[in-house]
Amino acid sequence: MKRLFLIDNYQSKLDLLKTEEAIKFVKDTFERELAKSLSLIRVSAPLFVLPSSGLNDELNGTERRIKFQLRNIEESAEIVQSLAKWKRNALAKYQFPLGTGLYTDMNAIRRDEELDSLHSAYVDQWDWEKIILKENRTIDFLKGIVSRIFLVLKETEQKVFKAYPELRPVLPEDIYFITTAELEELYPNLSPMDREKMICREKKAVFLIGIGGPLKNGLPHDGRAADYDDWSLNGDLLVYYEELDIALELSSMGIRVDENSLRKQLEYKKEEYKLNNPYSLDILEKRLPYTIGGGIGQSRLCMFFLKKVHIGEVQASLWPKEDIELLAKKNIHLL
């Protein structure tokens, strides 16, 4: 569903030049603090992979991947849709020690994205992944990592406020945890999007646990690929964004599948054929470490901290001509 917010009397708190300066400030600050908090090292990551590797992410399973041919390579390459699988493979390849991990700048193109105020065809996010013990595969451990990321968000917000006093802090003291099943019980007659909005209005910052598996109504809260997140140990980090009166997703993350949940989730989605790709076999035969990881939207984060009303105010991408004209009439100018 396309959501193009045309805000009346909108006035950006920063002009275009200051916005560009502030984007770098937000990204540099958050990246540095995240790496320190989670013991992460920055690595280089691919823009494209071979489909036979099994390392590309199918997201909700409906998005068309962008393919192209390279000279001297018979198989067509694909633009990555996320690096969820590649990161786990890299942790093993680079022999990261237990308790440490990696992060990288993930850039991608999603051709089927509905272009609106929150969604762009250009994806820019921090992808991170960290090695854990099998006994760390618990809700409590997940909550602990989420709480540390939330503290990084709060530290970044305070530093942005100090550098740009017009951008006042809004994050609450703590993040609120709730499962998708509990949220369904609270608001059984609302859509998943409206449930998120209601809980975020009340709590301001929420981590929603358990995305991908069916709820009481037989449907998942939202789609997730079956072969990287464990659906009982994952979630979305959401904040209330007053400028648009919405729940804004800043991060999707979770404890990754083990040999048991991988098989169970693929069987549920009738995708057992994926059990034979190299990535799945490495999990089933325990050649890959147990991990936790996620993606954090760079433009979403900048949009939130800089109080912008369109993602195109903090990233350069392509937009329908009619949208650009409508937004300009509302004083919303895209990069």
C-alpha atoms as a PDB file:
ATOM      1  CA  MET A   1       0.000   0.000   0.000  1.00  0.00           C
ATOM      2  CA  LYS A   2       1.468   3.304  -1.083  1.00  0.00           C
ATOM      3  CA  ARG A   3       1.730   5.940   1.645  1.00  0.00           C
ATOM      4  CA  LEU A   4       2.643   9.383   0.363  1.00  0.00           C
ATOM      5  CA  PHE A   5       2.369  11.895   3.200  1.00  0.00           C
ATOM      6  CA  LEU A   6       1.612  15.427   1.990  1.00  0.00           C
ATOM      7  CA  ILE A   7       2.114  17.477   5.156  1.00  0.00           C
ATOM      8  CA  ASP A   8       0.550  20.922   5.362  1.00  0.00           C
ATOM      9  CA  ASN A   9       2.771  23.810   6.485  1.00  0.00           C
ATOM     10  CA  TYR A  10       5.872  21.612   6.491  1.00  0.00           C
ATOM     11  CA  GLN A  11       9.162  23.336   7.159  1.00  0.00           C
ATOM     12  CA  SER A  12      12.341  21.263   7.336  1.00  0.00           C
ATOM     13  CA  LYS A  13      14.360  22.047  10.436  1.00  0.00           C
ATOM     14  CA  LEU A  14      17.557  21.947   8.350  1.00  0.00           C
ATOM     15  CA  ASP A  15      18.205  23.385   4.894  1.00  0.00           C
ATOM     16  CA  LEU A  16      19.602  21.153   2.139  1.00  0.00           C
ATOM     17  CA  LEU A  17      23.264  21.860   2.864  1.00  0.00           C
ATOM     18  CA  LYS A  18      22.874  21.387   6.616  1.00  0.00           C
ATOM     19  CA  THR A  19      20.875  18.247   5.933  1.00  0.00           C
ATOM     20  CA  GLU A  20      23.748  16.706   3.985  1.00  0.00           C
ATOM     21  CA  GLU A  21      26.132  17.612   6.798  1.00  0.00           C
ATOM     22  CA  ALA A  22      23.784  16.159   9.416  1.00  0.00           C
ATOM     23  CA  ILE A  23      23.294  12.907   7.460  1.00  0.00           C
ATOM     24  CA  LYS A  24      27.024  12.234   7.708  1.00  0.00           C
ATOM     25  CA  PHE A  25      27.025  13.192  11.390  1.00  0.00           C
ATOM     26  CA  VAL A  26      24.201  10.747  12.185  1.00  0.00           C
ATOM     27  CA  LYS A  27      25.746   7.895  10.202  1.00  0.00           C
ATOM     28  CA  ASP A  28      29.272   8.366  11.568  1.00  0.00           C
ATOM     29  CA  THR A  29      28.039   8.651  15.159  1.00  0.00           C
ATOM     30  CA  PHE A  30      25.672   5.690  15.116  1.00  0.00           C
ATOM     31  CA  GLU A  31      28.065   3.409  13.235  1.00  0.00           C
ATOM     32  CA  ARG A  32      30.905   4.099  15.645  1.00  0.00           C
ATOM     33  CA  GLU A  33      28.777   3.568  18.765  1.00  0.00           C
ATOM     34  CA  LEU A  34      27.104   0.423  17.394  1.00  0.00           C
ATOM     35  CA  ALA A  35      30.461  -1.211  16.608  1.00  0.00           C
ATOM     36  CA  LYS A  36      31.718  -0.398  20.103  1.00  0.00           C
ATOM     37  CA  SER A  37      28.581  -1.648  21.871  1.00  0.00           C
ATOM     38  CA  LEU A  38      28.340  -4.992  20.047  1.00  0.00           C
ATOM     39  CA  SER A  39      32.092  -5.652  19.469  1.00  0.00           C
ATOM     40  CA  LEU A  40      31.793  -5.443  15.687  1.00  0.00           C
ATOM     41  CA  ILE A  41      34.448  -4.981  12.988  1.00  0.00           C
ATOM     42  CA  ARG A  42      33.622  -3.347   9.660  1.00  0.00           C
ATOM     43  CA  VAL A  43      34.086  -5.564   6.588  1.00  0.00           C
ATOM     44  CA  SER A  44      33.527  -5.204   2.860  1.00  0.00           C
ATOM     45  CA  ALA A  45      30.413  -6.829   1.424  1.00  0.00           C
ATOM     46  CA  PRO A  46      29.220  -7.816  -2.058  1.00  0.00           C
ATOM     47  CA  LEU A  47      26.700  -5.887  -4.117  1.00  0.00           C
ATOM     48  CA  PHE A  48      25.861  -9.062  -6.061  1.00  0.00           C
ATOM     49  CA  VAL A  49      26.126 -12.844  -5.626  1.00  0.00           C
ATOM     50  CA  LEU A  50      25.485 -16.002  -7.647  1.00  0.00           C
ATOM     51  CA  PRO A  51      22.055 -17.586  -7.020  1.00  0.00           C
ATOM     52  CA  SER A  52      23.570 -21.072  -6.783  1.00  0.00           C
ATOM     53  CA  SER A  53      25.371 -20.028  -3.592  1.00  0.00           C
ATOM     54  CA  GLY A  54      22.044 -19.793  -1.727  1.00  0.00           C
ATOM     55  CA  LEU A  55      23.307 -16.587  -0.097  1.00  0.00           C
ATOM     56  CA  ASN A  56      20.750 -14.177  -1.513  1.00  0.00           C
ATOM     57  CA  ASP A  57      17.761 -13.268   0.613  1.00  0.00           C
ATOM     58  CA  GLU A  58      14.265 -13.864  -0.732  1.00  0.00           C
ATOM     59  CA  LEU A  59      12.678 -11.403   1.741  1.00  0.00           C
ATOM     60  CA  ASN A  60       8.932 -12.125   1.583  1.00  0.00           C
ATOM     61  CA  GLY A  61       9.396 -14.496  -1.347  1.00  0.00           C
ATOM     62  CA  THR A  62       7.547 -12.299  -3.840  1.00  0.00           C
ATOM     63  CA  GLU A  63      10.190  -9.698  -4.760  1.00  0.00           C
ATOM     64  CA  ARG A  64      11.870 -10.078  -8.144  1.00  0.00           C
ATOM     65  CA  ARG A  65      15.654 -10.090  -7.917  1.00  0.00           C
ATOM     66  CA  ILE A  66      17.694  -8.079 -10.423  1.00  0.00           C
ATOM     67  CA  LYS A  67      19.843 -10.338 -12.598  1.00  0.00           C
ATOM     68  CA  PHE A  68      22.614  -9.529 -15.048  1.00  0.00           C
ATOM     69  CA  GLN A  69      25.361 -11.311 -16.949  1.00  0.00           C
ATOM     70  CA  LEU A  70      29.067 -10.835 -16.296  1.00  0.00           C
ATOM     71  CA  ARG A  71      31.718 -11.583 -18.888  1.00  0.00           C
ATOM     72  CA  ASN A  72      33.452 -14.965 -18.394  1.00  0.00           C
ATOM     73  CA  ILE A  73      30.952 -16.139 -15.772  1.00  0.00           C
ATOM     74  CA  GLU A  74      28.306 -18.488 -17.131  1.00  0.00           C
ATOM     75  CA  GLU A  75      25.759 -18.079 -14.324  1.00  0.00           C
ATOM     76  CA  SER A  76      23.814 -14.807 -14.080  1.00  0.00           C
ATOM     77  CA  ALA A  77      24.604 -12.710 -11.013  1.00  0.00           C
ATOM     78  CA  GLU A  78      21.944 -11.201  -8.719  1.00  0.00           C
ATOM     79  CA  ILE A  79      21.899  -7.905  -6.828  1.00  0.00           C
ATOM     80  CA  VAL A  80      21.665  -8.796  -3.135  1.00  0.00           C
ATOM     81  CA  GLN A  81      18.338  -8.169  -1.404  1.00  0.00           C
ATOM     82  CA  SER A  82      19.947  -8.358   2.027  1.00  0.00           C
ATOM     83  CA  LEU A  83      23.128  -9.851   3.464  1.00  0.00           C
ATOM     84  CA  ALA A  84      21.522 -11.976   6.191  1.00  0.00           C
ATOM     85  CA  LYS A  85      22.984 -15.232   4.879  1.00  0.00           C
ATOM     86  CA  TRP A  86      26.227 -13.822   3.504  1.00  0.00           C
ATOM     87  CA  LYS A  87      27.163 -12.398   6.918  1.00  0.00           C
ATOM     88  CA  ARG A  88      26.879 -15.734   8.710  1.00  0.00           C
ATOM     89  CA  ASN A  89      28.996 -17.346   6.059  1.00  0.00           C
ATOM     90  CA  ALA A  90      31.576 -14.540   6.353  1.00  0.00           C
ATOM     91  CA  LEU A  91      31.851 -14.960  10.134  1.00  0.00           C
ATOM     92  CA  ALA A  92      32.912 -18.568   9.584  1.00  0.00           C
ATOM     93  CA  LYS A  93      35.194 -17.771   6.646  1.00  0.00           C
ATOM     94  CA  TYR A  94      37.038 -14.983   8.487  1.00  0.00           C
ATOM     95  CA  GLN A  95      37.197 -17.055  11.724  1.00  0.00           C
ATOM     96  CA  PHE A  96      35.681 -14.435  14.013  1.00  0.00           C
ATOM     97  CA  PRO A  97      35.993 -15.278  17.731  1.00  0.00           C
ATOM     98  CA  LEU A  98      32.939 -16.040  19.855  1.00  0.00           C
ATOM     99  CA  GLY A  99      31.201 -12.868  21.097  1.00  0.00           C
ATOM    100  CA  THR A 100      32.482 -10.692  18.262  1.00  0.00           C
ATOM    101  CA  GLY A 101      31.004  -9.912  14.884  1.00  0.00           C
ATOM    102  CA  LEU A 102      30.956  -7.815  11.756  1.00  0.00           C
ATOM    103  CA  TYR A 103      29.025  -4.953  10.260  1.00  0.00           C
ATOM    104  CA  THR A 104      28.956  -3.549   6.761  1.00  0.00           C
ATOM    105  CA  ASP A 105      27.233  -1.018   4.543  1.00  0.00           C
ATOM    106  CA  MET A 106      24.593  -2.896   2.583  1.00  0.00           C
ATOM    107  CA  ASN A 107      23.392  -1.288  -0.629  1.00  0.00           C
ATOM    108  CA  ALA A 108      20.777  -2.835  -2.871  1.00  0.00           C
ATOM    109  CA  ILE A 109      18.060  -2.126  -5.418  1.00  0.00           C
ATOM    110  CA  ARG A 110      14.535  -3.416  -4.847  1.00  0.00           C
ATOM    111  CA  ARG A 111      12.698  -3.105  -8.134  1.00  0.00           C
ATOM    112  CA  ASP A 112       9.262  -4.020  -6.739  1.00  0.00           C
ATOM    113  CA  GLU A 113       9.250  -1.565  -3.835  1.00  0.00           C
ATOM    114  CA  GLU A 114       6.187   0.692  -3.624  1.00  0.00           C
ATOM    115  CA  LEU A 115       7.792   4.137  -3.838  1.00  0.00           C
ATOM    116  CA  ASP A 116       6.374   6.462  -1.198  1.00  0.00           C
ATOM    117  CA  SER A 117       7.362   8.580   1.799  1.00  0.00           C
ATOM    118  CA  LEU A 118       8.968   5.620   3.615  1.00  0.00           C
ATOM    119  CA  HIS A 119      10.093   3.263   0.830  1.00  0.00           C
ATOM    120  CA  SER A 120      12.714   3.706  -1.872  1.00  0.00           C
ATOM    121  CA  ALA A 121      14.053   1.486  -4.617  1.00  0.00           C
ATOM    122  CA  TYR A 122      17.510   2.200  -3.178  1.00  0.00           C
ATOM    123  CA  VAL A 123      18.325   0.342   0.035  1.00  0.00           C
ATOM    124  CA  ASP A 124      21.038   1.549   2.395  1.00  0.00           C
ATOM    125  CA  GLN A 125      21.434  -0.083   5.768  1.00  0.00           C
ATOM    126  CA  TRP A 126      23.964  -1.320   8.254  1.00  0.00           C
ATOM    127  CA  ASP A 127      23.971  -5.101   8.222  1.00  0.00           C
ATOM    128  CA  TRP A 128      25.526  -6.685  11.308  1.00  0.00           C
ATOM    129  CA  GLU A 129      26.060 -10.217  12.584  1.00  0.00           C
ATOM    130  CA  LYS A 130      27.612 -11.609  15.770  1.00  0.00           C
ATOM    131  CA  ILE A 131      28.643 -15.114  16.911  1.00  0.00           C
ATOM    132  CA  ILE A 132      26.808 -16.542  19.927  1.00  0.00           C
ATOM    133  CA  LEU A 133      26.618 -19.814  21.803  1.00  0.00           C
ATOM    134  CA  LYS A 134      23.774 -22.250  21.147  1.00  0.00           C
ATOM    135  CA  GLU A 135      22.562 -21.671  24.713  1.00  0.00           C
ATOM    136  CA  ASN A 136      22.283 -17.946  23.900  1.00  0.00           C
ATOM    137  CA  ARG A 137      19.391 -18.705  21.547  1.00  0.00           C
ATOM    138  CA  THR A 138      16.791 -17.333  23.976  1.00  0.00           C
ATOM    139  CA  ILE A 139      14.324 -14.455  24.195  1.00  0.00           C
ATOM    140  CA  ASP A 140      16.254 -12.978  27.137  1.00  0.00           C
ATOM    141  CA  PHE A 141      19.466 -12.865  25.133  1.00  0.00           C
ATOM    142  CA  LEU A 142      17.632 -11.265  22.208  1.00  0.00           C
ATOM    143  CA  LYS A 143      16.178  -8.624  24.532  1.00  0.00           C
ATOM    144  CA  GLY A 144      19.623  -7.881  25.925  1.00  0.00           C
ATOM    145  CA  ILE A 145      21.045  -7.155  22.468  1.00  0.00           C
ATOM    146  CA  VAL A 146      18.017  -5.050  21.526  1.00  0.00           C
ATOM    147  CA  SER A 147      18.424  -2.999  24.716  1.00  0.00           C
ATOM    148  CA  ARG A 148      22.054  -2.292  23.845  1.00  0.00           C
ATOM    149  CA  ILE A 149      21.095  -1.146  20.340  1.00  0.00           C
ATOM    150  CA  PHE A 150      18.400   1.073  21.838  1.00  0.00           C
ATOM    151  CA  LEU A 151      21.007   2.692  24.111  1.00  0.00           C
ATOM    152  CA  VAL A 152      23.097   3.431  20.998  1.00  0.00           C
ATOM    153  CA  LEU A 153      20.036   5.084  19.441  1.00  0.00           C
ATOM    154  CA  LYS A 154      19.578   7.228  22.541  1.00  0.00           C
ATOM    155  CA  GLU A 155      23.269   8.200  22.652  1.00  0.00           C
ATOM    156  CA  THR A 156      23.147   9.143  18.981  1.00  0.00           C
ATOM    157  CA  GLU A 157      19.985  11.196  19.516  1.00  0.00           C
ATOM    158  CA  GLN A 158      21.648  13.163  22.322  1.00  0.00           C
ATOM    159  CA  LYS A 159      24.739  13.874  20.211  1.00  0.00           C
ATOM    160  CA  VAL A 160      22.557  15.003  17.298  1.00  0.00           C
ATOM    161  CA  PHE A 161      20.693  17.337  19.681  1.00  0.00           C
ATOM    162  CA  LYS A 162      23.970  18.795  20.942  1.00  0.00           C
ATOM    163  CA  ALA A 163      25.140  19.429  17.356  1.00  0.00           C
ATOM    164  CA  TYR A 164      21.728  20.612  16.102  1.00  0.00           C
ATOM    165  CA  PRO A 165      19.648  22.039  19.009  1.00  0.00           C
ATOM    166  CA  GLU A 166      16.580  22.409  16.777  1.00  0.00           C
ATOM    167  CA  LEU A 167      16.317  18.583  16.685  1.00  0.00           C
ATOM    168  CA  ARG A 168      14.918  17.815  20.131  1.00  0.00           C
ATOM    169  CA  PRO A 169      15.139  14.257  21.592  1.00  0.00           C
ATOM    170  CA  VAL A 170      11.935  12.184  21.700  1.00  0.00           C
ATOM    171  CA  LEU A 171      13.007   8.620  22.549  1.00  0.00           C
ATOM    172  CA  PRO A 172      11.695   7.210  25.860  1.00  0.00           C
ATOM    173  CA  GLU A 173      13.883   5.997  28.715  1.00  0.00           C
ATOM    174  CA  ASP A 174      13.445   2.312  27.827  1.00  0.00           C
ATOM    175  CA  ILE A 175      12.228   0.186  24.944  1.00  0.00           C
ATOM    176  CA  TYR A 176       9.035  -1.853  25.399  1.00  0.00           C
ATOM    177  CA  PHE A 177       8.941  -5.542  24.474  1.00  0.00           C
ATOM    178  CA  ILE A 178       5.811  -7.311  23.217  1.00  0.00           C
ATOM    179  CA  THR A 179       5.167 -10.372  21.050  1.00  0.00           C
ATOM    180  CA  THR A 180       3.083 -10.367  17.891  1.00  0.00           C
ATOM    181  CA  ALA A 181       0.667 -12.803  19.591  1.00  0.00           C
ATOM    182  CA  GLU A 182       0.232 -10.425  22.541  1.00  0.00           C
ATOM    183  CA  LEU A 183      -0.280  -7.533  20.163  1.00  0.00           C
ATOM    184  CA  GLU A 184      -2.932  -9.497  18.267  1.00  0.00           C
ATOM    185  CA  GLU A 185      -4.718 -10.149  21.588  1.00  0.00           C
ATOM    186  CA  LEU A 186      -4.660  -6.411  22.366  1.00  0.00           C
ATOM    187  CA  TYR A 187      -6.006  -5.312  18.976  1.00  0.00           C
ATOM    188  CA  PRO A 188      -7.663  -8.349  17.326  1.00  0.00           C
ATOM    189  CA  ASN A 189      -9.749  -6.260  14.915  1.00  0.00           C
ATOM    190  CA  LEU A 190      -6.908  -4.093  13.607  1.00  0.00           C
ATOM    191  CA  SER A 191      -4.475  -4.734  10.766  1.00  0.00           C
ATOM    192  CA  PRO A 192      -0.838  -5.483  11.708  1.00  0.00           C
ATOM    193  CA  MET A 193       0.172  -1.957  10.620  1.00  0.00           C
ATOM    194  CA  ASP A 194      -2.500  -0.351  12.781  1.00  0.00           C
ATOM    195  CA  ARG A 195      -1.576  -2.563  15.742  1.00  0.00           C
ATOM    196  CA  GLU A 196       1.998  -1.302  15.482  1.00  0.00           C
ATOM    197  CA  LYS A 197       0.795   2.292  15.335  1.00  0.00           C
ATOM    198  CA  MET A 198      -1.379   1.898  18.444  1.00  0.00           C
ATOM    199  CA  ILE A 199       1.337   0.315  20.592  1.00  0.00           C
ATOM    200  CA  CYS A 200       3.975   2.801  19.395  1.00  0.00           C
ATOM    201  CA  ARG A 201       1.722   5.770  20.155  1.00  0.00           C
ATOM    202  CA  GLU A 202       1.522   4.520  23.725  1.00  0.00           C
ATOM    203  CA  LYS A 203       5.060   3.238  24.357  1.00  0.00           C
ATOM    204  CA  LYS A 204       7.061   5.414  21.881  1.00  0.00           C
ATOM    205  CA  ALA A 205       9.715   2.705  21.270  1.00  0.00           C
ATOM    206  CA  VAL A 206       8.797  -0.974  20.843  1.00  0.00           C
ATOM    207  CA  PHE A 207      10.503  -4.222  19.967  1.00  0.00           C
ATOM    208  CA  LEU A 208       7.942  -6.557  18.412  1.00  0.00           C
ATOM    209  CA  ILE A 209       8.938 -10.215  18.839  1.00  0.00           C
ATOM    210  CA  GLY A 210       7.969 -13.175  16.650  1.00  0.00           C
ATOM    211  CA  ILE A 211       7.575 -12.310  12.977  1.00  0.00           C
ATOM    212  CA  GLY A 212       7.056 -14.845  10.215  1.00  0.00           C
ATOM    213  CA  GLY A 213       5.036 -17.605  11.834  1.00  0.00           C
ATOM    214  CA  PRO A 214       1.224 -17.798  11.899  1.00  0.00           C
ATOM    215  CA  LEU A 215      -0.793 -16.041  14.613  1.00  0.00           C
ATOM    216  CA  LYS A 216      -4.172 -17.105  16.039  1.00  0.00           C
ATOM    217  CA  ASN A 217      -5.890 -15.821  12.895  1.00  0.00           C
ATOM    218  CA  GLY A 218      -3.715 -18.134  10.783  1.00  0.00           C
ATOM    219  CA  LEU A 219      -1.688 -15.336   9.210  1.00  0.00           C
ATOM    220  CA  PRO A 220       1.787 -14.020  10.074  1.00  0.00           C
ATOM    221  CA  HIS A 221       2.123 -10.500  11.449  1.00  0.00           C
ATOM    222  CA  ASP A 222       4.459  -9.885   8.508  1.00  0.00           C
ATOM    223  CA  GLY A 223       6.419 -12.006   6.060  1.00  0.00           C
ATOM    224  CA  ARG A 224       9.923 -13.312   6.754  1.00  0.00           C
ATOM    225  CA  ALA A 225      12.126 -15.669   4.781  1.00  0.00           C
ATOM    226  CA  ALA A 226      12.167 -19.132   6.345  1.00  0.00           C
ATOM    227  CA  ASP A 227      15.908 -19.731   6.167  1.00  0.00           C
ATOM    228  CA  TYR A 228      17.639 -17.015   8.169  1.00  0.00           C
ATOM    229  CA  ASP A 229      15.662 -15.652  11.182  1.00  0.00           C
ATOM    230  CA  ASP A 230      14.206 -18.018  13.749  1.00  0.00           C
ATOM    231  CA  TRP A 231      10.582 -16.798  13.739  1.00  0.00           C
ATOM    232  CA  SER A 232      10.247 -17.264  17.501  1.00  0.00           C
ATOM    233  CA  LEU A 233      13.461 -15.339  18.233  1.00  0.00           C
ATOM    234  CA  ASN A 234      13.295 -12.356  15.895  1.00  0.00           C
ATOM    235  CA  GLY A 235      11.559  -9.001  15.716  1.00  0.00           C
ATOM    236  CA  ASP A 236      11.309  -5.399  14.523  1.00  0.00           C
ATOM    237  CA  LEU A 237      12.475  -2.295  16.362  1.00  0.00           C
ATOM    238  CA  LEU A 238       9.764   0.347  15.985  1.00  0.00           C
ATOM    239  CA  VAL A 239       9.516   3.960  17.131  1.00  0.00           C
ATOM    240  CA  TYR A 240       6.600   6.357  17.185  1.00  0.00           C
ATOM    241  CA  TYR A 241       7.197   9.049  14.577  1.00  0.00           C
ATOM    242  CA  GLU A 242       5.062  12.016  15.531  1.00  0.00           C
ATOM    243  CA  GLU A 243       5.793  13.954  12.342  1.00  0.00           C
ATOM    244  CA  LEU A 244       3.791  11.377  10.360  1.00  0.00           C
ATOM    245  CA  ASP A 245       1.788   9.784  13.200  1.00  0.00           C
ATOM    246  CA  ILE A 246       3.119   6.317  12.346  1.00  0.00           C
ATOM    247  CA  ALA A 247       5.089   3.416  13.737  1.00  0.00           C
ATOM    248  CA  LEU A 248       8.442   3.700  11.964  1.00  0.00           C
ATOM    249  CA  GLU A 249      10.497   0.521  11.601  1.00  0.00           C
ATOM    250  CA  LEU A 250      14.197   1.240  12.123  1.00  0.00           C
ATOM    251  CA  SER A 251      15.528  -2.301  12.309  1.00  0.00           C
ATOM    252  CA  SER A 252      14.659  -5.918  11.624  1.00  0.00           C
ATOM    253  CA  MET A 253      16.811  -8.419  13.498  1.00  0.00           C
ATOM    254  CA  GLY A 254      16.900 -11.729  15.266  1.00  0.00           C
ATOM    255  CA  ILE A 255      18.648 -14.885  16.342  1.00  0.00           C
ATOM    256  CA  ARG A 256      19.317 -16.922  13.230  1.00  0.00           C
ATOM    257  CA  VAL A 257      17.961 -20.374  12.447  1.00  0.00           C
ATOM    258  CA  ASP A 258      19.693 -23.451  13.784  1.00  0.00           C
ATOM    259  CA  GLU A 259      19.547 -26.880  12.177  1.00  0.00           C
ATOM    260  CA  ASN A 260      16.131 -27.592  13.734  1.00  0.00           C
ATOM    261  CA  SER A 261      14.283 -24.323  13.088  1.00  0.00           C
ATOM    262  CA  LEU A 262      15.660 -24.159   9.540  1.00  0.00           C
ATOM    263  CA  ARG A 263      14.119 -27.503   8.651  1.00  0.00           C
ATOM    264  CA  LYS A 264      10.857 -26.751  10.477  1.00  0.00           C
ATOM    265  CA  GLN A 265      10.334 -23.348   8.860  1.00  0.00           C
ATOM    266  CA  LEU A 266      11.193 -24.516   5.352  1.00  0.00           C
ATOM    267  CA  GLU A 267       8.784 -27.424   5.734  1.00  0.00           C
ATOM    268  CA  TYR A 268       6.047 -25.044   6.898  1.00  0.00           C
ATOM    269  CA  LYS A 269       6.518 -22.889   3.775  1.00  0.00           C
ATOM    270  CA  LYS A 270       6.892 -25.981   1.555  1.00  0.00           C
ATOM    271  CA  GLU A 271      10.380 -24.863   0.527  1.00  0.00           C
ATOM    272  CA  GLU A 272      12.247 -28.050   1.385  1.00  0.00           C
ATOM    273  CA  TYR A 273      14.182 -27.757  -1.898  1.00  0.00           C
ATOM    274  CA  LYS A 274      16.272 -25.038  -0.234  1.00  0.00           C
ATOM    275  CA  LEU A 275      17.673 -27.610   2.178  1.00  0.00           C
ATOM    276  CA  ASN A 276      19.999 -28.715  -0.607  1.00  0.00           C
ATOM    277  CA  ASN A 277      21.698 -25.388  -1.294  1.00  0.00           C
ATOM    278  CA  PRO A 278      25.225 -24.852   0.101  1.00  0.00           C
ATOM    279  CA  TYR A 279      24.116 -22.345   2.755  1.00  0.00           C
ATOM    280  CA  SER A 280      21.431 -24.633   4.198  1.00  0.00           C
ATOM    281  CA  LEU A 281      23.715 -27.663   4.152  1.00  0.00           C
ATOM    282  CA  ASP A 282      26.334 -25.717   6.097  1.00  0.00           C
ATOM    283  CA  ILE A 283      23.722 -25.002   8.805  1.00  0.00           C
ATOM    284  CA  LEU A 284      22.381 -28.558   8.884  1.00  0.00           C
ATOM    285  CA  GLU A 285      25.891 -29.980   9.152  1.00  0.00           C
ATOM    286  CA  LYS A 286      26.889 -27.341  11.760  1.00  0.00           C
ATOM    287  CA  ARG A 287      29.669 -25.787   9.721  1.00  0.00           C
ATOM    288  CA  LEU A 288      28.329 -22.265  10.379  1.00  0.00           C
ATOM    289  CA  PRO A 289      28.331 -20.622  13.815  1.00  0.00           C
ATOM    290  CA  TYR A 290      25.180 -19.779  15.754  1.00  0.00           C
ATOM    291  CA  THR A 291      24.559 -16.077  15.307  1.00  0.00           C
ATOM    292  CA  ILE A 292      22.360 -13.074  15.948  1.00  0.00           C
ATOM    293  CA  GLY A 293      22.127 -10.233  13.464  1.00  0.00           C
ATOM    294  CA  GLY A 294      20.027  -7.701  11.660  1.00  0.00           C
ATOM    295  CA  GLY A 295      19.741  -4.688   9.441  1.00  0.00           C
ATOM    296  CA  ILE A 296      19.370  -1.068  10.526  1.00  0.00           C
ATOM    297  CA  GLY A 297      18.078   1.378   7.936  1.00  0.00           C
ATOM    298  CA  GLN A 298      20.495   4.249   7.411  1.00  0.00           C
ATOM    299  CA  SER A 299      18.032   6.535   5.655  1.00  0.00           C
ATOM    300  CA  ARG A 300      15.234   5.591   8.084  1.00  0.00           C
ATOM    301  CA  LEU A 301      17.517   6.519  10.989  1.00  0.00           C
ATOM    302  CA  CYS A 302      18.443   9.847   9.388  1.00  0.00           C
ATOM    303  CA  MET A 303      14.805  10.555   8.586  1.00  0.00           C
ATOM    304  CA  PHE A 304      13.866   9.957  12.233  1.00  0.00           C
ATOM    305  CA  PHE A 305      16.668  11.947  13.856  1.00  0.00           C
ATOM    306  CA  LEU A 306      16.491  14.845  11.356  1.00  0.00           C
ATOM    307  CA  LYS A 307      12.664  14.926  11.535  1.00  0.00           C
ATOM    308  CA  LYS A 308      12.085  14.635   7.801  1.00  0.00           C
ATOM    309  CA  VAL A 309       8.756  13.597   6.284  1.00  0.00           C
ATOM    310  CA  HIS A 310      10.022  11.801   3.159  1.00  0.00           C
ATOM    311  CA  ILE A 311      12.897   9.358   2.850  1.00  0.00           C
ATOM    312  CA  GLY A 312      13.976  11.196  -0.312  1.00  0.00           C
ATOM    313  CA  GLU A 313      14.992  14.122   1.911  1.00  0.00           C
ATOM    314  CA  VAL A 314      17.884  12.037   3.242  1.00  0.00           C
ATOM    315  CA  GLN A 315      18.887   9.899   0.248  1.00  0.00           C
ATOM    316  CA  ALA A 316      19.256  10.359  -3.501  1.00  0.00           C
ATOM    317  CA  SER A 317      17.004   8.013  -5.460  1.00  0.00           C
ATOM    318  CA  LEU A 318      14.360   8.024  -8.216  1.00  0.00           C
ATOM    319  CA  TRP A 319      10.711   8.972  -7.693  1.00  0.00           C
ATOM    320  CA  PRO A 320       7.623   9.317  -9.904  1.00  0.00           C
ATOM    321  CA  LYS A 321       7.488  12.763 -11.495  1.00  0.00           C
ATOM    322  CA  GLU A 322       3.979  13.392 -10.175  1.00  0.00           C
ATOM    323  CA  ASP A 323       5.148  12.625  -6.599  1.00  0.00           C
ATOM    324  CA  ILE A 324       8.044  15.078  -6.885  1.00  0.00           C
ATOM    325  CA  GLU A 325       5.672  17.801  -8.072  1.00  0.00           C
ATOM    326  CA  LEU A 326       3.085  17.109  -5.343  1.00  0.00           C
ATOM    327  CA  LEU A 327       5.751  17.107  -2.638  1.00  0.00           C
ATOM    328  CA  ALA A 328       7.352  20.326  -3.896  1.00  0.00           C
ATOM    329  CA  LYS A 329       3.984  22.083  -3.573  1.00  0.00           C
ATOM    330  CA  LYS A 330       4.053  21.091   0.116  1.00  0.00           C
ATOM    331  CA  ASN A 331       7.609  22.408   0.536  1.00  0.00           C
ATOM    332  CA  ILE A 332       9.053  18.868   0.697  1.00  0.00           C
ATOM    333  CA  HIS A 333      12.197  18.904  -1.427  1.00  0.00           C
ATOM    334  CA  LEU A 334      13.998  15.660  -2.295  1.00  0.00           C
ATOM    335  CA  LEU A 335      17.740  15.214  -2.697  1.00  0.00           C
END
